[in-house]
Amino acid sequence: MLKTTLLDGIKPAAFDKQITTNLLLENTTADVVRMEKLLIGVRNEDGDIYRLIGATKHNSFTNAVEELEDLELVDELGDVEGTVEGCDAIFSEA
């Protein structure tokens, strides 16, 4: 199961309910999510990362990425090697 957290003080995106509906997520603390092997960030309309999703296995990470792409969100790190802002993928509206 993927772990997730909302980051304190940052407004969730209008499309956040679609994410929580389509992905099987376990809510936990930011510290616990950051301990996962692979991290996905989700940006709100202001361009701030408001949600972190952590995956232990690459398979879970890939499934989460595919689900987010199905919601027509775009991974801005698609061609980037390594991490940005601590995330392996960062999704936002196109």
PDB file of N, CA and C in Angstrom:
ATOM      1  N   MET A   1       0.840  -1.189   0.000  1.00  0.00           N
ATOM      2  CA  MET A   1       0.000   0.000   0.000  1.00  0.00           C
ATOM      3  C   MET A   1       0.883   1.250   0.000  1.00  0.00           C
ATOM      4  N   LEU A   2       0.437   2.266  -0.699  1.00  0.00           N
ATOM      5  CA  LEU A   2       1.149   3.533  -0.749  1.00  0.00           C
ATOM      6  C   LEU A   2       0.828   4.336   0.501  1.00  0.00           C
ATOM      7  N   LYS A   3       1.833   5.064   0.989  1.00  0.00           N
ATOM      8  CA  LYS A   3       1.616   5.935   2.140  1.00  0.00           C
ATOM      9  C   LYS A   3       1.525   7.367   1.628  1.00  0.00           C
ATOM     10  N   THR A   4       0.721   8.180   2.294  1.00  0.00           N
ATOM     11  CA  THR A   4       0.565   9.563   1.845  1.00  0.00           C
ATOM     12  C   THR A   4       0.368  10.496   3.021  1.00  0.00           C
ATOM     13  N   THR A   5       0.638  11.771   2.768  1.00  0.00           N
ATOM     14  CA  THR A   5       0.388  12.806   3.759  1.00  0.00           C
ATOM     15  C   THR A   5       0.132  14.126   3.040  1.00  0.00           C
ATOM     16  N   LEU A   6      -0.684  14.948   3.654  1.00  0.00           N
ATOM     17  CA  LEU A   6      -0.835  16.329   3.195  1.00  0.00           C
ATOM     18  C   LEU A   6       0.192  17.150   3.964  1.00  0.00           C
ATOM     19  N   LEU A   7       0.860  18.062   3.289  1.00  0.00           N
ATOM     20  CA  LEU A   7       1.867  18.890   3.954  1.00  0.00           C
ATOM     21  C   LEU A   7       1.181  20.059   4.649  1.00  0.00           C
ATOM     22  N   ASP A   8       1.585  20.302   5.883  1.00  0.00           N
ATOM     23  CA  ASP A   8       0.957  21.332   6.715  1.00  0.00           C
ATOM     24  C   ASP A   8       1.026  22.704   6.069  1.00  0.00           C
ATOM     25  N   GLY A   9      -0.091  23.408   6.118  1.00  0.00           N
ATOM     26  CA  GLY A   9      -0.128  24.789   5.700  1.00  0.00           C
ATOM     27  C   GLY A   9      -0.169  25.015   4.196  1.00  0.00           C
ATOM     28  N   ILE A  10      -0.278  23.951   3.410  1.00  0.00           N
ATOM     29  CA  ILE A  10      -0.322  24.098   1.957  1.00  0.00           C
ATOM     30  C   ILE A  10      -1.682  23.619   1.466  1.00  0.00           C
ATOM     31  N   LYS A  11      -2.326  24.462   0.681  1.00  0.00           N
ATOM     32  CA  LYS A  11      -3.689  24.192   0.224  1.00  0.00           C
ATOM     33  C   LYS A  11      -3.711  23.028  -0.769  1.00  0.00           C
ATOM     34  N   PRO A  12      -4.556  22.017  -0.531  1.00  0.00           N
ATOM     35  CA  PRO A  12      -4.691  20.916  -1.497  1.00  0.00           C
ATOM     36  C   PRO A  12      -5.257  21.411  -2.825  1.00  0.00           C
ATOM     37  N   ALA A  13      -4.906  20.726  -3.885  1.00  0.00           N
ATOM     38  CA  ALA A  13      -5.415  21.069  -5.216  1.00  0.00           C
ATOM     39  C   ALA A  13      -6.892  20.714  -5.322  1.00  0.00           C
ATOM     40  N   ALA A  14      -7.567  21.372  -6.237  1.00  0.00           N
ATOM     41  CA  ALA A  14      -8.988  21.116  -6.463  1.00  0.00           C
ATOM     42  C   ALA A  14      -9.231  19.665  -6.886  1.00  0.00           C
ATOM     43  N   PHE A  15      -8.234  19.049  -7.547  1.00  0.00           N
ATOM     44  CA  PHE A  15      -8.385  17.674  -8.041  1.00  0.00           C
ATOM     45  C   PHE A  15      -7.954  16.618  -7.018  1.00  0.00           C
ATOM     46  N   ASP A  16      -7.652  17.024  -5.788  1.00  0.00           N
ATOM     47  CA  ASP A  16      -7.113  16.071  -4.804  1.00  0.00           C
ATOM     48  C   ASP A  16      -8.041  14.898  -4.532  1.00  0.00           C
ATOM     49  N   LYS A  17      -9.349  15.140  -4.514  1.00  0.00           N
ATOM     50  CA  LYS A  17     -10.289  14.053  -4.221  1.00  0.00           C
ATOM     51  C   LYS A  17     -10.174  12.936  -5.258  1.00  0.00           C
ATOM     52  N   GLN A  18      -9.889  13.284  -6.508  1.00  0.00           N
ATOM     53  CA  GLN A  18      -9.700  12.259  -7.539  1.00  0.00           C
ATOM     54  C   GLN A  18      -8.503  11.365  -7.204  1.00  0.00           C
ATOM     55  N   ILE A  19      -7.458  11.958  -6.649  1.00  0.00           N
ATOM     56  CA  ILE A  19      -6.264  11.183  -6.291  1.00  0.00           C
ATOM     57  C   ILE A  19      -6.609  10.199  -5.182  1.00  0.00           C
ATOM     58  N   THR A  20      -7.259  10.702  -4.137  1.00  0.00           N
ATOM     59  CA  THR A  20      -7.564   9.837  -3.000  1.00  0.00           C
ATOM     60  C   THR A  20      -8.605   8.780  -3.355  1.00  0.00           C
ATOM     61  N   THR A  21      -9.416   9.050  -4.375  1.00  0.00           N
ATOM     62  CA  THR A  21     -10.414   8.068  -4.818  1.00  0.00           C
ATOM     63  C   THR A  21      -9.765   6.978  -5.679  1.00  0.00           C
ATOM     64  N   ASN A  22      -8.831   7.357  -6.538  1.00  0.00           N
ATOM     65  CA  ASN A  22      -8.257   6.414  -7.505  1.00  0.00           C
ATOM     66  C   ASN A  22      -7.076   5.603  -6.977  1.00  0.00           C
ATOM     67  N   LEU A  23      -6.388   6.105  -5.980  1.00  0.00           N
ATOM     68  CA  LEU A  23      -5.221   5.394  -5.444  1.00  0.00           C
ATOM     69  C   LEU A  23      -5.545   4.829  -4.073  1.00  0.00           C
ATOM     70  N   LEU A  24      -5.030   3.650  -3.798  1.00  0.00           N
ATOM     71  CA  LEU A  24      -5.180   3.050  -2.476  1.00  0.00           C
ATOM     72  C   LEU A  24      -4.086   3.638  -1.590  1.00  0.00           C
ATOM     73  N   LEU A  25      -4.472   4.543  -0.703  1.00  0.00           N
ATOM     74  CA  LEU A  25      -3.502   5.298   0.089  1.00  0.00           C
ATOM     75  C   LEU A  25      -3.735   5.103   1.574  1.00  0.00           C
ATOM     76  N   GLU A  26      -2.640   5.012   2.307  1.00  0.00           N
ATOM     77  CA  GLU A  26      -2.696   4.963   3.768  1.00  0.00           C
ATOM     78  C   GLU A  26      -2.202   6.306   4.282  1.00  0.00           C
ATOM     79  N   ASN A  27      -3.052   7.040   4.990  1.00  0.00           N
ATOM     80  CA  ASN A  27      -2.651   8.336   5.537  1.00  0.00           C
ATOM     81  C   ASN A  27      -1.725   8.136   6.722  1.00  0.00           C
ATOM     82  N   THR A  28      -0.646   8.908   6.748  1.00  0.00           N
ATOM     83  CA  THR A  28       0.310   8.829   7.835  1.00  0.00           C
ATOM     84  C   THR A  28       1.018  10.173   7.951  1.00  0.00           C
ATOM     85  N   THR A  29       2.111  10.235   8.698  1.00  0.00           N
ATOM     86  CA  THR A  29       2.825  11.501   8.880  1.00  0.00           C
ATOM     87  C   THR A  29       3.837  11.726   7.758  1.00  0.00           C
ATOM     88  N   ALA A  30       4.229  12.973   7.585  1.00  0.00           N
ATOM     89  CA  ALA A  30       5.222  13.320   6.561  1.00  0.00           C
ATOM     90  C   ALA A  30       6.534  12.576   6.806  1.00  0.00           C
ATOM     91  N   ASP A  31       6.930  12.439   8.067  1.00  0.00           N
ATOM     92  CA  ASP A  31       8.190  11.748   8.380  1.00  0.00           C
ATOM     93  C   ASP A  31       8.155  10.293   7.927  1.00  0.00           C
ATOM     94  N   VAL A  32       7.013   9.633   8.132  1.00  0.00           N
ATOM     95  CA  VAL A  32       6.883   8.228   7.724  1.00  0.00           C
ATOM     96  C   VAL A  32       6.904   8.118   6.202  1.00  0.00           C
ATOM     97  N   VAL A  33       6.188   9.001   5.515  1.00  0.00           N
ATOM     98  CA  VAL A  33       6.150   8.967   4.051  1.00  0.00           C
ATOM     99  C   VAL A  33       7.555   9.180   3.490  1.00  0.00           C
ATOM    100  N   ARG A  34       8.300  10.120   4.060  1.00  0.00           N
ATOM    101  CA  ARG A  34       9.652  10.421   3.553  1.00  0.00           C
ATOM    102  C   ARG A  34      10.625   9.260   3.732  1.00  0.00           C
ATOM    103  N   MET A  35      10.304   8.288   4.578  1.00  0.00           N
ATOM    104  CA  MET A  35      11.166   7.116   4.759  1.00  0.00           C
ATOM    105  C   MET A  35      10.973   6.074   3.660  1.00  0.00           C
ATOM    106  N   GLU A  36       9.926   6.225   2.848  1.00  0.00           N
ATOM    107  CA  GLU A  36       9.686   5.283   1.758  1.00  0.00           C
ATOM    108  C   GLU A  36      10.781   5.434   0.700  1.00  0.00           C
ATOM    109  N   LYS A  37      10.995   4.361  -0.059  1.00  0.00           N
ATOM    110  CA  LYS A  37      12.075   4.327  -1.045  1.00  0.00           C
ATOM    111  C   LYS A  37      11.863   5.319  -2.188  1.00  0.00           C
ATOM    112  N   LEU A  38      10.624   5.453  -2.665  1.00  0.00           N
ATOM    113  CA  LEU A  38      10.314   6.319  -3.802  1.00  0.00           C
ATOM    114  C   LEU A  38       9.227   7.311  -3.412  1.00  0.00           C
ATOM    115  N   LEU A  39       9.417   8.571  -3.782  1.00  0.00           N
ATOM    116  CA  LEU A  39       8.465   9.614  -3.406  1.00  0.00           C
ATOM    117  C   LEU A  39       7.862  10.294  -4.622  1.00  0.00           C
ATOM    118  N   ILE A  40       6.564  10.531  -4.538  1.00  0.00           N
ATOM    119  CA  ILE A  40       5.840  11.289  -5.559  1.00  0.00           C
ATOM    120  C   ILE A  40       5.289  12.533  -4.876  1.00  0.00           C
ATOM    121  N   GLY A  41       5.543  13.685  -5.483  1.00  0.00           N
ATOM    122  CA  GLY A  41       4.969  14.933  -5.000  1.00  0.00           C
ATOM    123  C   GLY A  41       3.811  15.326  -5.901  1.00  0.00           C
ATOM    124  N   VAL A  42       2.825  16.011  -5.329  1.00  0.00           N
ATOM    125  CA  VAL A  42       1.709  16.519  -6.132  1.00  0.00           C
ATOM    126  C   VAL A  42       1.610  18.020  -5.876  1.00  0.00           C
ATOM    127  N   ARG A  43       1.596  18.789  -6.953  1.00  0.00           N
ATOM    128  CA  ARG A  43       1.529  20.253  -6.841  1.00  0.00           C
ATOM    129  C   ARG A  43       0.083  20.745  -6.923  1.00  0.00           C
ATOM    130  N   ASN A  44      -0.201  21.808  -6.181  1.00  0.00           N
ATOM    131  CA  ASN A  44      -1.507  22.459  -6.285  1.00  0.00           C
ATOM    132  C   ASN A  44      -1.456  23.516  -7.389  1.00  0.00           C
ATOM    133  N   GLU A  45      -2.539  24.257  -7.529  1.00  0.00           N
ATOM    134  CA  GLU A  45      -2.635  25.263  -8.587  1.00  0.00           C
ATOM    135  C   GLU A  45      -1.632  26.400  -8.411  1.00  0.00           C
ATOM    136  N   ASP A  46      -1.123  26.584  -7.198  1.00  0.00           N
ATOM    137  CA  ASP A  46      -0.120  27.634  -6.944  1.00  0.00           C
ATOM    138  C   ASP A  46       1.302  27.147  -7.237  1.00  0.00           C
ATOM    139  N   GLY A  47       1.437  25.866  -7.606  1.00  0.00           N
ATOM    140  CA  GLY A  47       2.760  25.319  -7.898  1.00  0.00           C
ATOM    141  C   GLY A  47       3.490  24.781  -6.681  1.00  0.00           C
ATOM    142  N   ASP A  48       2.798  24.674  -5.540  1.00  0.00           N
ATOM    143  CA  ASP A  48       3.415  24.153  -4.320  1.00  0.00           C
ATOM    144  C   ASP A  48       3.108  22.668  -4.166  1.00  0.00           C
ATOM    145  N   ILE A  49       4.098  21.906  -3.719  1.00  0.00           N
ATOM    146  CA  ILE A  49       3.848  20.485  -3.414  1.00  0.00           C
ATOM    147  C   ILE A  49       3.061  20.437  -2.106  1.00  0.00           C
ATOM    148  N   TYR A  50       1.855  19.866  -2.192  1.00  0.00           N
ATOM    149  CA  TYR A  50       0.979  19.811  -1.012  1.00  0.00           C
ATOM    150  C   TYR A  50       0.773  18.381  -0.521  1.00  0.00           C
ATOM    151  N   ARG A  51       1.010  17.392  -1.389  1.00  0.00           N
ATOM    152  CA  ARG A  51       0.813  15.990  -1.012  1.00  0.00           C
ATOM    153  C   ARG A  51       2.055  15.210  -1.387  1.00  0.00           C
ATOM    154  N   LEU A  52       2.477  14.329  -0.471  1.00  0.00           N
ATOM    155  CA  LEU A  52       3.549  13.377  -0.763  1.00  0.00           C
ATOM    156  C   LEU A  52       2.957  11.980  -0.753  1.00  0.00           C
ATOM    157  N   ILE A  53       3.379  11.174  -1.712  1.00  0.00           N
ATOM    158  CA  ILE A  53       2.981   9.773  -1.777  1.00  0.00           C
ATOM    159  C   ILE A  53       4.267   8.959  -1.791  1.00  0.00           C
ATOM    160  N   GLY A  54       4.364   7.995  -0.891  1.00  0.00           N
ATOM    161  CA  GLY A  54       5.572   7.181  -0.793  1.00  0.00           C
ATOM    162  C   GLY A  54       5.292   5.740  -1.168  1.00  0.00           C
ATOM    163  N   ALA A  55       6.233   5.156  -1.911  1.00  0.00           N
ATOM    164  CA  ALA A  55       6.110   3.757  -2.329  1.00  0.00           C
ATOM    165  C   ALA A  55       7.360   3.000  -1.890  1.00  0.00           C
ATOM    166  N   THR A  56       7.152   1.782  -1.371  1.00  0.00           N
ATOM    167  CA  THR A  56       8.269   0.949  -0.954  1.00  0.00           C
ATOM    168  C   THR A  56       8.865   0.217  -2.150  1.00  0.00           C
ATOM    169  N   LYS A  57       7.993  -0.267  -3.042  1.00  0.00           N
ATOM    170  CA  LYS A  57       8.445  -1.062  -4.191  1.00  0.00           C
ATOM    171  C   LYS A  57       8.294  -0.277  -5.484  1.00  0.00           C
ATOM    172  N   HIS A  58       9.194  -0.547  -6.417  1.00  0.00           N
ATOM    173  CA  HIS A  58       9.148   0.146  -7.706  1.00  0.00           C
ATOM    174  C   HIS A  58       7.837  -0.136  -8.426  1.00  0.00           C
ATOM    175  N   ASN A  59       7.319  -1.347  -8.269  1.00  0.00           N
ATOM    176  CA  ASN A  59       6.052  -1.738  -8.884  1.00  0.00           C
ATOM    177  C   ASN A  59       4.907  -0.842  -8.400  1.00  0.00           C
ATOM    178  N   SER A  60       4.852  -0.608  -7.096  1.00  0.00           N
ATOM    179  CA  SER A  60       3.810   0.262  -6.516  1.00  0.00           C
ATOM    180  C   SER A  60       3.961   1.687  -7.040  1.00  0.00           C
ATOM    181  N   PHE A  61       5.215   2.147  -7.132  1.00  0.00           N
ATOM    182  CA  PHE A  61       5.508   3.485  -7.646  1.00  0.00           C
ATOM    183  C   PHE A  61       5.005   3.614  -9.088  1.00  0.00           C
ATOM    184  N   THR A  62       5.329   2.618  -9.913  1.00  0.00           N
ATOM    185  CA  THR A  62       4.916   2.639 -11.322  1.00  0.00           C
ATOM    186  C   THR A  62       3.397   2.643 -11.439  1.00  0.00           C
ATOM    187  N   ASN A  63       2.723   1.830 -10.634  1.00  0.00           N
ATOM    188  CA  ASN A  63       1.257   1.803 -10.651  1.00  0.00           C
ATOM    189  C   ASN A  63       0.675   3.156 -10.268  1.00  0.00           C
ATOM    190  N   ALA A  64       1.257   3.800  -9.253  1.00  0.00           N
ATOM    191  CA  ALA A  64       0.775   5.117  -8.816  1.00  0.00           C
ATOM    192  C   ALA A  64       0.971   6.145  -9.924  1.00  0.00           C
ATOM    193  N   VAL A  65       2.132   6.107 -10.578  1.00  0.00           N
ATOM    194  CA  VAL A  65       2.410   7.032 -11.679  1.00  0.00           C
ATOM    195  C   VAL A  65       1.384   6.845 -12.797  1.00  0.00           C
ATOM    196  N   GLU A  66       1.088   5.595 -13.131  1.00  0.00           N
ATOM    197  CA  GLU A  66       0.101   5.322 -14.187  1.00  0.00           C
ATOM    198  C   GLU A  66      -1.285   5.839 -13.806  1.00  0.00           C
ATOM    199  N   GLU A  67      -1.677   5.657 -12.549  1.00  0.00           N
ATOM    200  CA  GLU A  67      -2.982   6.158 -12.085  1.00  0.00           C
ATOM    201  C   GLU A  67      -3.048   7.679 -12.175  1.00  0.00           C
ATOM    202  N   LEU A  68      -1.971   8.349 -11.770  1.00  0.00           N
ATOM    203  CA  LEU A  68      -1.948   9.808 -11.816  1.00  0.00           C
ATOM    204  C   LEU A  68      -1.985  10.304 -13.262  1.00  0.00           C
ATOM    205  N   GLU A  69      -1.296   9.584 -14.154  1.00  0.00           N
ATOM    206  CA  GLU A  69      -1.342   9.945 -15.576  1.00  0.00           C
ATOM    207  C   GLU A  69      -2.753   9.736 -16.134  1.00  0.00           C
ATOM    208  N   ASP A  70      -3.441   8.693 -15.651  1.00  0.00           N
ATOM    209  CA  ASP A  70      -4.827   8.453 -16.071  1.00  0.00           C
ATOM    210  C   ASP A  70      -5.749   9.609 -15.665  1.00  0.00           C
ATOM    211  N   LEU A  71      -5.383  10.316 -14.598  1.00  0.00           N
ATOM    212  CA  LEU A  71      -6.152  11.488 -14.153  1.00  0.00           C
ATOM    213  C   LEU A  71      -5.753  12.735 -14.947  1.00  0.00           C
ATOM    214  N   GLU A  72      -4.937  12.521 -15.976  1.00  0.00           N
ATOM    215  CA  GLU A  72      -4.452  13.590 -16.856  1.00  0.00           C
ATOM    216  C   GLU A  72      -3.538  14.568 -16.140  1.00  0.00           C
ATOM    217  N   LEU A  73      -2.865  14.076 -15.104  1.00  0.00           N
ATOM    218  CA  LEU A  73      -1.825  14.870 -14.457  1.00  0.00           C
ATOM    219  C   LEU A  73      -0.509  14.572 -15.177  1.00  0.00           C
ATOM    220  N   VAL A  74       0.418  15.525 -15.115  1.00  0.00           N
ATOM    221  CA  VAL A  74       1.668  15.415 -15.862  1.00  0.00           C
ATOM    222  C   VAL A  74       2.840  15.325 -14.897  1.00  0.00           C
ATOM    223  N   ASP A  75       3.746  14.371 -15.147  1.00  0.00           N
ATOM    224  CA  ASP A  75       4.965  14.226 -14.353  1.00  0.00           C
ATOM    225  C   ASP A  75       6.023  15.159 -14.929  1.00  0.00           C
ATOM    226  N   GLU A  76       6.313  16.228 -14.193  1.00  0.00           N
ATOM    227  CA  GLU A  76       7.290  17.201 -14.697  1.00  0.00           C
ATOM    228  C   GLU A  76       8.714  16.664 -14.656  1.00  0.00           C
ATOM    229  N   LEU A  77       8.931  15.527 -14.007  1.00  0.00           N
ATOM    230  CA  LEU A  77      10.275  14.948 -13.940  1.00  0.00           C
ATOM    231  C   LEU A  77      10.448  13.789 -14.920  1.00  0.00           C
ATOM    232  N   GLY A  78       9.544  13.676 -15.882  1.00  0.00           N
ATOM    233  CA  GLY A  78       9.583  12.577 -16.827  1.00  0.00           C
ATOM    234  C   GLY A  78      10.945  12.320 -17.445  1.00  0.00           C
ATOM    235  N   ASP A  79      11.686  13.368 -17.788  1.00  0.00           N
ATOM    236  CA  ASP A  79      12.982  13.210 -18.450  1.00  0.00           C
ATOM    237  C   ASP A  79      14.157  13.527 -17.536  1.00  0.00           C
ATOM    238  N   VAL A  80      13.898  13.719 -16.258  1.00  0.00           N
ATOM    239  CA  VAL A  80      14.946  14.134 -15.325  1.00  0.00           C
ATOM    240  C   VAL A  80      15.547  12.917 -14.626  1.00  0.00           C
ATOM    241  N   GLU A  81      16.876  12.877 -14.571  1.00  0.00           N
ATOM    242  CA  GLU A  81      17.559  11.828 -13.802  1.00  0.00           C
ATOM    243  C   GLU A  81      17.671  12.302 -12.354  1.00  0.00           C
ATOM    244  N   GLY A  82      17.447  11.405 -11.424  1.00  0.00           N
ATOM    245  CA  GLY A  82      17.570  11.760 -10.011  1.00  0.00           C
ATOM    246  C   GLY A  82      16.296  12.394  -9.474  1.00  0.00           C
ATOM    247  N   THR A  83      16.432  13.059  -8.335  1.00  0.00           N
ATOM    248  CA  THR A  83      15.259  13.619  -7.665  1.00  0.00           C
ATOM    249  C   THR A  83      15.263  15.146  -7.734  1.00  0.00           C
ATOM    250  N   VAL A  84      14.083  15.720  -7.613  1.00  0.00           N
ATOM    251  CA  VAL A  84      13.908  17.170  -7.522  1.00  0.00           C
ATOM    252  C   VAL A  84      13.033  17.426  -6.298  1.00  0.00           C
ATOM    253  N   GLU A  85      13.469  18.344  -5.452  1.00  0.00           N
ATOM    254  CA  GLU A  85      12.745  18.641  -4.207  1.00  0.00           C
ATOM    255  C   GLU A  85      12.495  17.359  -3.415  1.00  0.00           C
ATOM    256  N   GLY A  86      13.418  16.408  -3.519  1.00  0.00           N
ATOM    257  CA  GLY A  86      13.309  15.154  -2.778  1.00  0.00           C
ATOM    258  C   GLY A  86      12.361  14.137  -3.375  1.00  0.00           C
ATOM    259  N   CYS A  87      11.792  14.429  -4.537  1.00  0.00           N
ATOM    260  CA  CYS A  87      10.796  13.542  -5.148  1.00  0.00           C
ATOM    261  C   CYS A  87      11.342  12.872  -6.413  1.00  0.00           C
ATOM    262  N   ASP A  88      10.884  11.641  -6.632  1.00  0.00           N
ATOM    263  CA  ASP A  88      11.242  10.897  -7.841  1.00  0.00           C
ATOM    264  C   ASP A  88      10.301  11.228  -8.992  1.00  0.00           C
ATOM    265  N   ALA A  89       9.126  11.757  -8.667  1.00  0.00           N
ATOM    266  CA  ALA A  89       8.144  12.208  -9.662  1.00  0.00           C
ATOM    267  C   ALA A  89       7.365  13.343  -9.014  1.00  0.00           C
ATOM    268  N   ILE A  90       7.011  14.350  -9.808  1.00  0.00           N
ATOM    269  CA  ILE A  90       6.171  15.440  -9.316  1.00  0.00           C
ATOM    270  C   ILE A  90       5.067  15.672 -10.330  1.00  0.00           C
ATOM    271  N   PHE A  91       3.839  15.493  -9.862  1.00  0.00           N
ATOM    272  CA  PHE A  91       2.676  15.610 -10.743  1.00  0.00           C
ATOM    273  C   PHE A  91       1.932  16.916 -10.519  1.00  0.00           C
ATOM    274  N   SER A  92       1.414  17.455 -11.601  1.00  0.00           N
ATOM    275  CA  SER A  92       0.573  18.655 -11.545  1.00  0.00           C
ATOM    276  C   SER A  92      -0.327  18.655 -12.765  1.00  0.00           C
ATOM    277  N   GLU A  93      -1.282  19.584 -12.763  1.00  0.00           N
ATOM    278  CA  GLU A  93      -2.140  19.724 -13.936  1.00  0.00           C
ATOM    279  C   GLU A  93      -1.313  20.296 -15.075  1.00  0.00           C
ATOM    280  N   ALA A  94      -1.622  19.895 -16.281  1.00  0.00           N
ATOM    281  CA  ALA A  94      -0.849  20.357 -17.452  1.00  0.00           C
ATOM    282  C   ALA A  94      -1.078  21.847 -17.681  1.00  0.00           C
TER     283      ALA A  94
END
